[in-house]
Amino acid sequence: MLLAACAPPPCAAAAPTPPGWEPAPDAPWCPYKVLPEGPEAGGGRLCFRSPARGFHCQAPACTLHAPAGRSLRASVLRNRSVLLQWRLAPAAARRVRAFALNCSWRGAYTRFPCERVLLGASCRDYLLPDVHDGVLYRLCLQPLPLRAGPAAPAPEPPEPAECVEFIAEPAGMQDIVVAMTAVGGSICVMLVVICLLVAYITENLMRPALARPGLRRHP
């Protein structure tokens, strides 16, 4: 299900991005596990992916879903993949040991689970490939606090999960909308040209013909 391979890929080239949406420079890899379906929380194979440094969501190839006041956003790409990004304050990042990502999508009658992912504390993005077209997705990310040691005080309660919802529009539908808009604009231009041509013919050709001396009535 994963687009990223388990072997660490080469690092992406750095580029200017909004502050706070990228991992630290000393965190070149994001470790994660895709957990199996079911109530068990363990299992899964440890994989690595490189952070999406310098990523910009540019229309029409990408649609950004970013709820106001939230630190979680989803960039829906036209290749039916979604890049999930989040930011964290430095003080809060020091208290996080991992992130839990839960995904679900709503079909015709019920909601179906998709991937359950456990991401390392250095991760600030995750790529969800091969989403379905025209269904409502809900992605929820929850920071997991550090475990308390033998002599350490009780750990802080986990922070509530932040969620983002989106619908992946079919790429073909976008092309149809663009094509229909272009055709509609062309038809309007043709109608305007025809109306101007008819007005010109009526004004400049018909009236002189009616005004000829041979056509006038004599008393």
N, C-alpha and C. Protein backbone atom coordinates (compact mmCIF):
# COMPACT_ATOMS: atom_id res chain seq x y z
N MET A 1 0.81 -1.20 0.00
CA MET A 1 0.00 0.00 0.00
C MET A 1 0.85 1.26 0.00
N LEU A 2 2.10 1.12 0.31
CA LEU A 2 2.93 2.29 0.51
C LEU A 2 3.63 2.66 -0.77
N LEU A 3 3.67 3.97 -1.04
CA LEU A 3 4.38 4.46 -2.21
C LEU A 3 5.87 4.54 -1.94
N ALA A 4 6.23 4.84 -0.69
CA ALA A 4 7.64 4.94 -0.34
C ALA A 4 8.20 3.55 -0.08
N ALA A 5 9.37 3.27 -0.54
CA ALA A 5 10.00 1.98 -0.32
C ALA A 5 10.57 1.92 1.07
N CYS A 6 10.81 0.70 1.57
CA CYS A 6 11.36 0.54 2.90
C CYS A 6 12.82 0.95 2.95
N ALA A 7 13.53 0.86 1.86
CA ALA A 7 14.91 1.32 1.84
C ALA A 7 14.92 2.83 1.79
N PRO A 8 15.85 3.49 2.55
CA PRO A 8 15.87 4.95 2.59
C PRO A 8 16.16 5.52 1.22
N PRO A 9 15.27 6.38 0.68
CA PRO A 9 15.51 7.00 -0.63
C PRO A 9 16.45 8.18 -0.48
N PRO A 10 16.96 8.73 -1.57
CA PRO A 10 17.82 9.90 -1.48
C PRO A 10 17.05 11.10 -0.98
N CYS A 11 17.80 12.00 -0.29
CA CYS A 11 17.15 13.17 0.30
C CYS A 11 16.68 14.11 -0.80
N ALA A 12 15.54 14.76 -0.55
CA ALA A 12 15.02 15.74 -1.49
C ALA A 12 15.79 17.04 -1.36
N ALA A 13 15.84 17.80 -2.43
CA ALA A 13 16.54 19.07 -2.40
C ALA A 13 15.77 20.08 -1.57
N ALA A 14 16.51 20.87 -0.81
CA ALA A 14 15.87 21.86 0.06
C ALA A 14 15.36 23.02 -0.77
N ALA A 15 14.25 23.61 -0.33
CA ALA A 15 13.65 24.76 -1.00
C ALA A 15 12.87 25.55 0.03
N PRO A 16 12.61 26.83 -0.22
CA PRO A 16 11.89 27.63 0.77
C PRO A 16 10.48 27.10 0.99
N THR A 17 10.10 26.94 2.24
CA THR A 17 8.76 26.50 2.62
C THR A 17 8.31 27.31 3.82
N PRO A 18 7.02 27.34 4.10
CA PRO A 18 6.55 28.06 5.29
C PRO A 18 7.21 27.53 6.55
N PRO A 19 7.55 28.40 7.49
CA PRO A 19 8.26 27.95 8.70
C PRO A 19 7.39 27.04 9.55
N GLY A 20 8.04 26.05 10.17
CA GLY A 20 7.36 25.16 11.10
C GLY A 20 6.78 23.92 10.47
N TRP A 21 6.80 23.79 9.14
CA TRP A 21 6.18 22.63 8.49
C TRP A 21 7.21 21.60 8.06
N GLU A 22 8.46 21.75 8.41
CA GLU A 22 9.49 20.80 8.03
C GLU A 22 10.19 20.26 9.26
N PRO A 23 10.71 19.03 9.18
CA PRO A 23 11.46 18.47 10.31
C PRO A 23 12.80 19.19 10.48
N ALA A 24 13.46 18.89 11.58
CA ALA A 24 14.75 19.50 11.85
C ALA A 24 15.78 19.04 10.83
N PRO A 25 16.81 19.87 10.56
CA PRO A 25 17.81 19.46 9.58
C PRO A 25 18.56 18.19 9.97
N ASP A 26 18.65 17.88 11.28
CA ASP A 26 19.35 16.67 11.70
C ASP A 26 18.44 15.45 11.70
N ALA A 27 17.26 15.53 11.10
CA ALA A 27 16.35 14.39 11.00
C ALA A 27 16.09 14.09 9.53
N PRO A 28 17.07 13.43 8.84
CA PRO A 28 16.91 13.21 7.39
C PRO A 28 15.92 12.12 7.04
N TRP A 29 15.54 11.24 8.00
CA TRP A 29 14.64 10.13 7.70
C TRP A 29 13.47 10.15 8.67
N CYS A 30 12.37 9.63 8.19
CA CYS A 30 11.16 9.48 9.01
C CYS A 30 10.90 7.99 9.19
N PRO A 31 11.10 7.44 10.40
CA PRO A 31 10.78 6.03 10.63
C PRO A 31 9.29 5.86 10.90
N TYR A 32 8.69 4.81 10.36
CA TYR A 32 7.26 4.57 10.55
C TYR A 32 6.96 3.09 10.43
N LYS A 33 5.80 2.73 10.96
CA LYS A 33 5.29 1.36 10.84
C LYS A 33 3.83 1.44 10.41
N VAL A 34 3.46 0.64 9.43
CA VAL A 34 2.07 0.48 9.04
C VAL A 34 1.52 -0.70 9.82
N LEU A 35 0.60 -0.44 10.73
CA LEU A 35 0.12 -1.48 11.64
C LEU A 35 -0.92 -2.34 10.94
N PRO A 36 -0.99 -3.61 11.28
CA PRO A 36 -1.99 -4.49 10.66
C PRO A 36 -3.39 -4.14 11.15
N GLU A 37 -4.38 -4.58 10.40
CA GLU A 37 -5.77 -4.34 10.79
C GLU A 37 -6.12 -5.17 12.02
N GLY A 38 -7.03 -4.63 12.81
CA GLY A 38 -7.44 -5.32 14.02
C GLY A 38 -7.12 -4.51 15.25
N PRO A 39 -7.52 -4.97 16.42
CA PRO A 39 -7.31 -4.19 17.64
C PRO A 39 -5.87 -4.18 18.12
N GLU A 40 -5.01 -5.11 17.64
CA GLU A 40 -3.65 -5.16 18.15
C GLU A 40 -2.89 -3.93 17.69
N ALA A 41 -2.01 -3.42 18.58
CA ALA A 41 -1.25 -2.22 18.29
C ALA A 41 0.16 -2.54 17.85
N GLY A 42 0.64 -3.77 18.04
CA GLY A 42 1.99 -4.12 17.68
C GLY A 42 2.07 -4.60 16.24
N GLY A 43 3.26 -5.15 15.92
CA GLY A 43 3.46 -5.66 14.58
C GLY A 43 3.83 -4.57 13.62
N GLY A 44 3.88 -4.94 12.37
CA GLY A 44 4.28 -3.99 11.35
C GLY A 44 5.77 -4.00 11.12
N ARG A 45 6.17 -3.65 9.92
CA ARG A 45 7.59 -3.64 9.56
C ARG A 45 8.09 -2.22 9.59
N LEU A 46 9.26 -2.01 10.18
CA LEU A 46 9.84 -0.67 10.27
C LEU A 46 10.36 -0.24 8.91
N CYS A 47 9.90 0.92 8.45
CA CYS A 47 10.33 1.49 7.17
C CYS A 47 10.80 2.92 7.39
N PHE A 48 11.42 3.47 6.35
CA PHE A 48 11.92 4.83 6.41
C PHE A 48 11.51 5.56 5.13
N ARG A 49 11.28 6.85 5.26
CA ARG A 49 11.01 7.69 4.10
C ARG A 49 11.68 9.04 4.33
N SER A 50 12.04 9.68 3.23
CA SER A 50 12.66 11.00 3.34
C SER A 50 11.59 12.07 3.45
N PRO A 51 11.82 13.14 4.22
CA PRO A 51 10.81 14.19 4.36
C PRO A 51 10.57 14.91 3.04
N ALA A 52 9.37 15.42 2.90
CA ALA A 52 9.01 16.18 1.70
C ALA A 52 9.44 17.63 1.88
N ARG A 53 10.72 17.88 1.77
CA ARG A 53 11.25 19.23 1.95
C ARG A 53 10.98 20.06 0.70
N GLY A 54 10.60 21.30 0.92
CA GLY A 54 10.37 22.22 -0.18
C GLY A 54 9.11 21.96 -0.97
N PHE A 55 8.14 21.25 -0.40
CA PHE A 55 6.91 20.94 -1.14
C PHE A 55 5.98 22.13 -1.12
N HIS A 56 5.38 22.42 -2.28
CA HIS A 56 4.38 23.48 -2.41
C HIS A 56 3.16 22.91 -3.10
N CYS A 57 2.00 23.13 -2.57
CA CYS A 57 0.75 22.69 -3.17
C CYS A 57 0.27 23.77 -4.13
N GLN A 58 0.38 23.50 -5.41
CA GLN A 58 0.04 24.47 -6.44
C GLN A 58 -1.13 23.95 -7.28
N ALA A 59 -2.16 24.76 -7.39
CA ALA A 59 -3.30 24.43 -8.23
C ALA A 59 -2.90 24.55 -9.70
N PRO A 60 -3.51 23.76 -10.59
CA PRO A 60 -4.61 22.82 -10.36
C PRO A 60 -4.15 21.40 -10.05
N ALA A 61 -2.83 21.18 -9.96
CA ALA A 61 -2.33 19.83 -9.72
C ALA A 61 -2.46 19.40 -8.27
N CYS A 62 -2.80 20.33 -7.39
CA CYS A 62 -2.87 20.03 -5.96
C CYS A 62 -3.94 20.90 -5.32
N THR A 63 -4.66 20.31 -4.35
CA THR A 63 -5.68 21.04 -3.59
C THR A 63 -5.33 20.93 -2.12
N LEU A 64 -5.24 22.07 -1.44
CA LEU A 64 -4.83 22.10 -0.03
C LEU A 64 -6.06 22.15 0.86
N HIS A 65 -6.10 21.28 1.87
CA HIS A 65 -7.14 21.26 2.89
C HIS A 65 -6.47 21.53 4.23
N ALA A 66 -6.68 22.73 4.76
CA ALA A 66 -6.02 23.14 6.00
C ALA A 66 -7.05 23.84 6.89
N PRO A 67 -7.63 23.16 7.86
CA PRO A 67 -8.58 23.81 8.77
C PRO A 67 -7.93 24.97 9.50
N ALA A 68 -8.68 26.04 9.69
CA ALA A 68 -8.15 27.23 10.35
C ALA A 68 -7.79 26.92 11.80
N GLY A 69 -6.64 27.40 12.22
CA GLY A 69 -6.21 27.22 13.59
C GLY A 69 -5.67 25.85 13.91
N ARG A 70 -5.52 24.97 12.93
CA ARG A 70 -5.02 23.62 13.16
C ARG A 70 -3.57 23.50 12.69
N SER A 71 -2.88 22.52 13.24
CA SER A 71 -1.49 22.27 12.85
C SER A 71 -1.39 21.09 11.90
N LEU A 72 -2.49 20.68 11.31
CA LEU A 72 -2.53 19.54 10.41
C LEU A 72 -3.15 19.98 9.09
N ARG A 73 -2.54 19.56 7.99
CA ARG A 73 -3.08 19.90 6.68
C ARG A 73 -2.84 18.76 5.72
N ALA A 74 -3.67 18.68 4.69
CA ALA A 74 -3.60 17.61 3.70
C ALA A 74 -3.57 18.24 2.31
N SER A 75 -2.59 17.83 1.51
CA SER A 75 -2.45 18.27 0.13
C SER A 75 -2.86 17.11 -0.78
N VAL A 76 -4.00 17.27 -1.46
CA VAL A 76 -4.54 16.22 -2.33
C VAL A 76 -4.00 16.45 -3.73
N LEU A 77 -3.23 15.49 -4.23
CA LEU A 77 -2.60 15.59 -5.54
C LEU A 77 -3.45 14.91 -6.60
N ARG A 78 -3.23 15.27 -7.84
CA ARG A 78 -4.03 14.72 -8.92
C ARG A 78 -3.65 13.27 -9.26
N ASN A 79 -2.52 12.79 -8.75
CA ASN A 79 -2.14 11.39 -8.99
C ASN A 79 -2.75 10.46 -7.96
N ARG A 80 -3.82 10.91 -7.26
CA ARG A 80 -4.57 10.11 -6.29
C ARG A 80 -3.72 9.74 -5.08
N SER A 81 -2.87 10.67 -4.66
CA SER A 81 -2.12 10.52 -3.42
C SER A 81 -2.31 11.78 -2.58
N VAL A 82 -2.09 11.65 -1.27
CA VAL A 82 -2.31 12.75 -0.33
C VAL A 82 -1.08 12.88 0.54
N LEU A 83 -0.53 14.07 0.62
CA LEU A 83 0.59 14.35 1.51
C LEU A 83 0.05 15.03 2.76
N LEU A 84 0.20 14.35 3.88
CA LEU A 84 -0.24 14.88 5.18
C LEU A 84 0.96 15.53 5.85
N GLN A 85 0.79 16.77 6.32
CA GLN A 85 1.86 17.51 6.99
C GLN A 85 1.34 18.08 8.30
N TRP A 86 2.23 18.18 9.28
CA TRP A 86 1.87 18.77 10.57
C TRP A 86 3.08 19.47 11.15
N ARG A 87 2.80 20.40 12.05
CA ARG A 87 3.87 21.14 12.73
C ARG A 87 3.67 21.05 14.22
N LEU A 88 4.75 21.28 14.96
CA LEU A 88 4.73 21.12 16.40
C LEU A 88 5.69 22.14 16.99
N ALA A 89 5.28 22.77 18.08
CA ALA A 89 6.16 23.71 18.78
C ALA A 89 7.35 22.97 19.35
N PRO A 90 8.52 23.63 19.46
CA PRO A 90 9.71 22.93 19.99
C PRO A 90 9.50 22.35 21.38
N ALA A 91 8.80 23.09 22.26
CA ALA A 91 8.58 22.58 23.61
C ALA A 91 7.70 21.34 23.59
N ALA A 92 6.67 21.34 22.73
CA ALA A 92 5.79 20.17 22.64
C ALA A 92 6.49 19.00 21.96
N ALA A 93 7.40 19.29 21.02
CA ALA A 93 8.09 18.21 20.32
C ALA A 93 8.99 17.42 21.25
N ARG A 94 9.53 18.06 22.29
CA ARG A 94 10.40 17.36 23.24
C ARG A 94 9.63 16.38 24.12
N ARG A 95 8.31 16.51 24.18
CA ARG A 95 7.50 15.62 25.01
C ARG A 95 6.82 14.52 24.21
N VAL A 96 7.13 14.42 22.93
CA VAL A 96 6.47 13.45 22.05
C VAL A 96 7.45 12.32 21.74
N ARG A 97 6.98 11.08 21.85
CA ARG A 97 7.80 9.92 21.47
C ARG A 97 7.39 9.36 20.12
N ALA A 98 6.16 9.63 19.67
CA ALA A 98 5.70 9.11 18.39
C ALA A 98 4.38 9.78 18.03
N PHE A 99 3.89 9.49 16.82
CA PHE A 99 2.60 9.98 16.34
C PHE A 99 1.79 8.78 15.87
N ALA A 100 0.51 8.78 16.20
CA ALA A 100 -0.41 7.74 15.75
C ALA A 100 -1.34 8.34 14.70
N LEU A 101 -1.35 7.76 13.51
CA LEU A 101 -2.17 8.22 12.40
C LEU A 101 -3.26 7.20 12.13
N ASN A 102 -4.50 7.63 12.17
CA ASN A 102 -5.64 6.78 11.86
C ASN A 102 -6.35 7.35 10.64
N CYS A 103 -6.74 6.47 9.74
CA CYS A 103 -7.36 6.88 8.49
C CYS A 103 -8.65 6.09 8.29
N SER A 104 -9.67 6.76 7.76
CA SER A 104 -10.92 6.10 7.41
C SER A 104 -11.55 6.85 6.26
N TRP A 105 -12.41 6.16 5.52
CA TRP A 105 -13.13 6.80 4.42
C TRP A 105 -14.57 6.32 4.42
N ARG A 106 -15.48 7.21 4.06
CA ARG A 106 -16.91 6.93 4.09
C ARG A 106 -17.39 6.55 2.71
N GLY A 107 -17.97 5.35 2.62
CA GLY A 107 -18.53 4.89 1.37
C GLY A 107 -20.00 5.22 1.27
N ALA A 108 -20.75 4.37 0.57
CA ALA A 108 -22.17 4.65 0.35
C ALA A 108 -22.98 4.51 1.63
N TYR A 109 -22.63 3.53 2.48
CA TYR A 109 -23.46 3.27 3.65
C TYR A 109 -22.70 3.31 4.97
N THR A 110 -21.40 3.13 4.96
CA THR A 110 -20.68 3.05 6.22
C THR A 110 -19.27 3.59 6.02
N ARG A 111 -18.51 3.63 7.12
CA ARG A 111 -17.15 4.12 7.09
C ARG A 111 -16.18 2.95 7.16
N PHE A 112 -15.16 2.97 6.31
CA PHE A 112 -14.20 1.88 6.24
C PHE A 112 -12.84 2.37 6.74
N PRO A 113 -12.12 1.53 7.49
CA PRO A 113 -10.77 1.92 7.92
C PRO A 113 -9.78 1.75 6.78
N CYS A 114 -8.74 2.58 6.78
CA CYS A 114 -7.64 2.38 5.84
C CYS A 114 -6.37 2.16 6.64
N GLU A 115 -5.36 2.98 6.50
CA GLU A 115 -4.10 2.69 7.15
C GLU A 115 -4.06 3.19 8.60
N ARG A 116 -3.43 2.40 9.46
CA ARG A 116 -3.06 2.80 10.81
C ARG A 116 -1.54 2.82 10.85
N VAL A 117 -0.98 4.01 11.11
CA VAL A 117 0.47 4.19 11.00
C VAL A 117 0.99 4.74 12.31
N LEU A 118 2.15 4.22 12.74
CA LEU A 118 2.87 4.73 13.89
C LEU A 118 4.14 5.39 13.36
N LEU A 119 4.29 6.70 13.58
CA LEU A 119 5.40 7.47 13.03
C LEU A 119 6.31 7.94 14.16
N GLY A 120 7.60 8.06 13.84
CA GLY A 120 8.57 8.52 14.81
C GLY A 120 8.39 9.97 15.18
N ALA A 121 9.02 10.38 16.28
CA ALA A 121 8.86 11.75 16.76
C ALA A 121 9.47 12.77 15.81
N SER A 122 10.40 12.36 14.95
CA SER A 122 11.02 13.29 14.01
C SER A 122 10.19 13.50 12.76
N CYS A 123 9.13 12.73 12.57
CA CYS A 123 8.33 12.83 11.34
C CYS A 123 7.44 14.07 11.37
N ARG A 124 7.32 14.69 10.24
CA ARG A 124 6.42 15.84 10.08
C ARG A 124 5.55 15.73 8.84
N ASP A 125 5.59 14.58 8.15
CA ASP A 125 4.71 14.38 6.99
C ASP A 125 4.59 12.89 6.73
N TYR A 126 3.57 12.55 5.96
CA TYR A 126 3.34 11.16 5.57
C TYR A 126 2.56 11.16 4.26
N LEU A 127 2.92 10.26 3.36
CA LEU A 127 2.27 10.17 2.05
C LEU A 127 1.31 9.00 2.04
N LEU A 128 0.05 9.31 1.76
CA LEU A 128 -0.99 8.30 1.64
C LEU A 128 -1.31 8.11 0.16
N PRO A 129 -0.94 6.97 -0.44
CA PRO A 129 -1.14 6.78 -1.88
C PRO A 129 -2.48 6.10 -2.20
N ASP A 130 -2.87 6.22 -3.45
CA ASP A 130 -4.00 5.45 -4.00
C ASP A 130 -5.29 5.64 -3.22
N VAL A 131 -5.72 6.89 -3.07
CA VAL A 131 -6.99 7.14 -2.41
C VAL A 131 -8.12 6.96 -3.42
N HIS A 132 -9.31 6.68 -2.93
CA HIS A 132 -10.48 6.50 -3.79
C HIS A 132 -11.03 7.88 -4.20
N ASP A 133 -11.61 7.93 -5.37
CA ASP A 133 -12.20 9.16 -5.88
C ASP A 133 -13.62 9.32 -5.36
N GLY A 134 -13.97 10.55 -5.00
CA GLY A 134 -15.35 10.88 -4.68
C GLY A 134 -15.85 10.39 -3.35
N VAL A 135 -14.98 9.95 -2.43
CA VAL A 135 -15.42 9.54 -1.10
C VAL A 135 -14.78 10.46 -0.07
N LEU A 136 -15.40 10.54 1.10
CA LEU A 136 -14.94 11.43 2.16
C LEU A 136 -13.90 10.72 3.01
N TYR A 137 -12.70 11.28 3.05
CA TYR A 137 -11.62 10.74 3.88
C TYR A 137 -11.50 11.56 5.16
N ARG A 138 -11.10 10.87 6.21
CA ARG A 138 -10.85 11.52 7.50
C ARG A 138 -9.53 10.98 8.05
N LEU A 139 -8.55 11.87 8.20
CA LEU A 139 -7.24 11.52 8.74
C LEU A 139 -7.08 12.20 10.09
N CYS A 140 -6.72 11.42 11.10
CA CYS A 140 -6.56 11.94 12.46
C CYS A 140 -5.15 11.60 12.94
N LEU A 141 -4.47 12.61 13.47
CA LEU A 141 -3.10 12.45 13.97
C LEU A 141 -3.08 12.80 15.46
N GLN A 142 -2.48 11.92 16.27
CA GLN A 142 -2.41 12.11 17.71
C GLN A 142 -0.98 11.97 18.20
N PRO A 143 -0.41 13.00 18.85
CA PRO A 143 0.92 12.86 19.44
C PRO A 143 0.86 11.94 20.66
N LEU A 144 1.83 11.03 20.78
CA LEU A 144 1.91 10.12 21.91
C LEU A 144 2.99 10.61 22.86
N PRO A 145 2.70 10.80 24.15
CA PRO A 145 3.70 11.35 25.07
C PRO A 145 4.77 10.34 25.42
N LEU A 146 5.86 10.84 26.00
CA LEU A 146 6.94 9.97 26.45
C LEU A 146 6.47 9.05 27.56
N ARG A 147 7.03 7.87 27.58
CA ARG A 147 6.73 6.92 28.66
C ARG A 147 7.46 7.33 29.93
N ALA A 148 6.82 7.14 31.06
CA ALA A 148 7.43 7.48 32.34
C ALA A 148 8.39 6.38 32.78
N GLY A 149 9.54 6.79 33.31
CA GLY A 149 10.51 5.83 33.81
C GLY A 149 10.15 5.32 35.19
N PRO A 150 11.01 4.44 35.76
CA PRO A 150 10.71 3.89 37.10
C PRO A 150 10.61 4.96 38.18
N ALA A 151 11.50 5.97 38.13
CA ALA A 151 11.50 7.01 39.15
C ALA A 151 10.88 8.31 38.65
N ALA A 152 10.36 8.31 37.45
CA ALA A 152 9.78 9.53 36.88
C ALA A 152 8.32 9.65 37.29
N PRO A 153 7.81 10.87 37.32
CA PRO A 153 6.39 11.04 37.64
C PRO A 153 5.50 10.47 36.54
N ALA A 154 4.23 10.41 36.82
CA ALA A 154 3.28 9.87 35.85
C ALA A 154 3.29 10.70 34.57
N PRO A 155 3.18 10.05 33.44
CA PRO A 155 3.22 10.81 32.18
C PRO A 155 1.98 11.67 32.02
N GLU A 156 2.15 12.72 31.22
CA GLU A 156 1.04 13.60 30.93
C GLU A 156 0.01 12.87 30.06
N PRO A 157 -1.25 13.21 30.20
CA PRO A 157 -2.26 12.57 29.33
C PRO A 157 -2.01 12.93 27.88
N PRO A 158 -2.31 12.03 26.95
CA PRO A 158 -2.06 12.32 25.53
C PRO A 158 -2.93 13.47 25.04
N GLU A 159 -2.37 14.24 24.14
CA GLU A 159 -3.11 15.34 23.55
C GLU A 159 -4.20 14.80 22.62
N PRO A 160 -5.29 15.55 22.48
CA PRO A 160 -6.35 15.08 21.57
C PRO A 160 -5.87 15.07 20.12
N ALA A 161 -6.43 14.17 19.37
CA ALA A 161 -6.05 14.04 17.96
C ALA A 161 -6.63 15.18 17.14
N GLU A 162 -5.89 15.61 16.14
CA GLU A 162 -6.37 16.59 15.18
C GLU A 162 -6.74 15.84 13.90
N CYS A 163 -7.83 16.26 13.28
CA CYS A 163 -8.34 15.57 12.11
C CYS A 163 -8.53 16.54 10.95
N VAL A 164 -8.42 16.03 9.75
CA VAL A 164 -8.68 16.79 8.54
C VAL A 164 -9.49 15.89 7.61
N GLU A 165 -10.49 16.48 6.94
CA GLU A 165 -11.35 15.74 6.02
C GLU A 165 -11.21 16.33 4.62
N PHE A 166 -11.35 15.47 3.62
CA PHE A 166 -11.25 15.91 2.24
C PHE A 166 -11.91 14.87 1.34
N ILE A 167 -12.20 15.29 0.12
CA ILE A 167 -12.72 14.42 -0.93
C ILE A 167 -11.79 14.55 -2.13
N ALA A 168 -11.25 13.42 -2.58
CA ALA A 168 -10.37 13.43 -3.74
C ALA A 168 -11.21 13.47 -5.00
N GLU A 169 -11.13 14.57 -5.71
CA GLU A 169 -11.90 14.73 -6.95
C GLU A 169 -11.22 13.94 -8.06
N PRO A 170 -11.97 13.20 -8.87
CA PRO A 170 -11.35 12.45 -9.96
C PRO A 170 -10.62 13.37 -10.93
N ALA A 171 -9.43 12.92 -11.34
CA ALA A 171 -8.65 13.72 -12.29
C ALA A 171 -9.38 13.89 -13.60
N GLY A 172 -10.09 12.85 -14.05
CA GLY A 172 -10.85 12.96 -15.29
C GLY A 172 -11.95 13.98 -15.21
N MET A 173 -12.60 14.08 -14.04
CA MET A 173 -13.66 15.08 -13.88
C MET A 173 -13.09 16.49 -13.97
N GLN A 174 -11.90 16.72 -13.41
CA GLN A 174 -11.30 18.04 -13.54
C GLN A 174 -11.03 18.37 -15.00
N ASP A 175 -10.55 17.39 -15.76
CA ASP A 175 -10.30 17.64 -17.18
C ASP A 175 -11.59 17.95 -17.92
N ILE A 176 -12.68 17.24 -17.58
CA ILE A 176 -13.97 17.50 -18.23
C ILE A 176 -14.46 18.91 -17.93
N VAL A 177 -14.31 19.33 -16.66
CA VAL A 177 -14.75 20.68 -16.28
C VAL A 177 -13.96 21.73 -17.04
N VAL A 178 -12.64 21.53 -17.14
CA VAL A 178 -11.81 22.49 -17.88
C VAL A 178 -12.21 22.52 -19.35
N ALA A 179 -12.45 21.32 -19.93
CA ALA A 179 -12.82 21.27 -21.34
C ALA A 179 -14.17 21.93 -21.58
N MET A 180 -15.14 21.67 -20.69
CA MET A 180 -16.45 22.28 -20.86
C MET A 180 -16.37 23.80 -20.73
N THR A 181 -15.56 24.28 -19.82
CA THR A 181 -15.39 25.73 -19.67
C THR A 181 -14.79 26.34 -20.92
N ALA A 182 -13.79 25.66 -21.51
CA ALA A 182 -13.17 26.19 -22.73
C ALA A 182 -14.16 26.18 -23.89
N VAL A 183 -14.92 25.08 -24.02
CA VAL A 183 -15.90 25.00 -25.11
C VAL A 183 -17.00 26.04 -24.92
N GLY A 184 -17.47 26.21 -23.70
CA GLY A 184 -18.50 27.21 -23.45
C GLY A 184 -18.02 28.61 -23.77
N GLY A 185 -16.77 28.92 -23.43
CA GLY A 185 -16.23 30.23 -23.78
C GLY A 185 -16.12 30.44 -25.27
N SER A 186 -15.72 29.37 -25.98
CA SER A 186 -15.62 29.49 -27.44
C SER A 186 -16.98 29.71 -28.08
N ILE A 187 -18.01 29.02 -27.59
CA ILE A 187 -19.36 29.19 -28.14
C ILE A 187 -19.86 30.61 -27.90
N CYS A 188 -19.60 31.14 -26.74
CA CYS A 188 -20.04 32.52 -26.46
C CYS A 188 -19.36 33.51 -27.39
N VAL A 189 -18.06 33.32 -27.63
CA VAL A 189 -17.35 34.22 -28.54
C VAL A 189 -17.93 34.11 -29.96
N MET A 190 -18.24 32.89 -30.40
CA MET A 190 -18.81 32.71 -31.73
C MET A 190 -20.18 33.38 -31.84
N LEU A 191 -21.01 33.27 -30.81
CA LEU A 191 -22.32 33.92 -30.85
C LEU A 191 -22.20 35.43 -30.92
N VAL A 192 -21.25 35.98 -30.17
CA VAL A 192 -21.05 37.43 -30.22
C VAL A 192 -20.61 37.87 -31.60
N VAL A 193 -19.70 37.10 -32.22
CA VAL A 193 -19.23 37.45 -33.57
C VAL A 193 -20.38 37.36 -34.57
N ILE A 194 -21.24 36.34 -34.48
CA ILE A 194 -22.37 36.21 -35.38
C ILE A 194 -23.34 37.36 -35.22
N CYS A 195 -23.63 37.74 -33.97
CA CYS A 195 -24.54 38.88 -33.73
C CYS A 195 -23.98 40.17 -34.31
N LEU A 196 -22.69 40.39 -34.14
CA LEU A 196 -22.09 41.60 -34.71
C LEU A 196 -22.12 41.58 -36.23
N LEU A 197 -21.92 40.39 -36.81
CA LEU A 197 -21.95 40.28 -38.27
C LEU A 197 -23.36 40.54 -38.81
N VAL A 198 -24.38 40.00 -38.16
CA VAL A 198 -25.76 40.25 -38.59
C VAL A 198 -26.10 41.73 -38.47
N ALA A 199 -25.67 42.35 -37.36
CA ALA A 199 -25.95 43.79 -37.20
C ALA A 199 -25.24 44.61 -38.27
N TYR A 200 -24.03 44.21 -38.63
CA TYR A 200 -23.29 44.95 -39.68
C TYR A 200 -23.99 44.80 -41.03
N ILE A 201 -24.42 43.57 -41.36
CA ILE A 201 -25.10 43.36 -42.65
C ILE A 201 -26.41 44.16 -42.70
N THR A 202 -27.16 44.13 -41.61
CA THR A 202 -28.44 44.85 -41.59
C THR A 202 -28.23 46.35 -41.72
N GLU A 203 -27.18 46.86 -41.09
CA GLU A 203 -26.97 48.30 -41.05
C GLU A 203 -26.37 48.83 -42.35
N ASN A 204 -25.47 48.09 -42.97
CA ASN A 204 -24.70 48.63 -44.07
C ASN A 204 -25.10 48.09 -45.44
N LEU A 205 -25.77 46.97 -45.50
CA LEU A 205 -26.11 46.40 -46.80
C LEU A 205 -27.58 46.50 -47.12
N MET A 206 -28.45 46.31 -46.15
CA MET A 206 -29.88 46.31 -46.42
C MET A 206 -30.42 47.71 -46.62
N ARG A 207 -30.00 48.64 -45.79
CA ARG A 207 -30.56 50.00 -45.91
C ARG A 207 -30.18 50.69 -47.22
N PRO A 208 -28.94 50.62 -47.69
CA PRO A 208 -28.67 51.22 -49.01
C PRO A 208 -29.48 50.61 -50.14
N ALA A 209 -29.76 49.32 -50.07
CA ALA A 209 -30.57 48.69 -51.12
C ALA A 209 -31.99 49.22 -51.11
N LEU A 210 -32.54 49.46 -49.94
CA LEU A 210 -33.90 50.01 -49.86
C LEU A 210 -33.95 51.46 -50.25
N ALA A 211 -32.82 52.13 -50.17
CA ALA A 211 -32.81 53.57 -50.48
C ALA A 211 -32.47 53.87 -51.94
N ARG A 212 -32.42 52.90 -52.87
CA ARG A 212 -32.12 53.13 -54.27
C ARG A 212 -33.27 53.92 -54.94
N PRO A 213 -32.98 54.77 -55.95
CA PRO A 213 -34.05 55.58 -56.59
C PRO A 213 -35.08 54.71 -57.31
N GLY A 214 -34.64 53.60 -57.89
CA GLY A 214 -35.58 52.77 -58.61
C GLY A 214 -36.63 52.14 -57.72
N LEU A 215 -36.33 52.05 -56.42
CA LEU A 215 -37.26 51.42 -55.51
C LEU A 215 -38.22 52.42 -54.86
N ARG A 216 -38.01 53.71 -55.16
CA ARG A 216 -38.88 54.71 -54.54
C ARG A 216 -40.22 54.77 -55.30
N ARG A 217 -41.26 55.07 -54.61
CA ARG A 217 -42.59 55.17 -55.20
C ARG A 217 -42.83 56.60 -55.68
N HIS A 218 -43.27 56.74 -57.01
CA HIS A 218 -43.52 58.08 -57.55
C HIS A 218 -45.01 58.39 -57.41
N PRO A 219 -45.33 59.64 -57.21
CA PRO A 219 -46.75 60.02 -57.11
C PRO A 219 -47.44 59.94 -58.46
